[in-house]
Amino acid sequence: MRPPLDPGLLATFLAVLEHGRISAAARAEHLSQPAVTDRIRRLERALGAPLFTRSVQGVTPTAAGERLAVHARAHRQLLA
């Protein structure tokens, strides 16, 4: 059984998902862009799967990212 995921990582994940760009999520979360990237990478390592496909246009959730989004949105009130 996996340990619970860090609520801060999940909140950052949702910010990236909702803003579609790491830079926009960083501004919204009052974090640096490298900090957001690091949080997403930590979450990807913990889950063992990439969560986003990155391009110059922004980010798109992978299948694993879509599955995590359902979980994270369902537990959004716990992330605040």
Foldseek 3Di string as FASTA:
>chain_A
DADDDDLVLLVLLVLLAVVQALCRSCVVVVHHSVVSVVSQVVVCVSVVHRQWDQDPVGTDGDPVVVVSVVVSVVCVVVSD
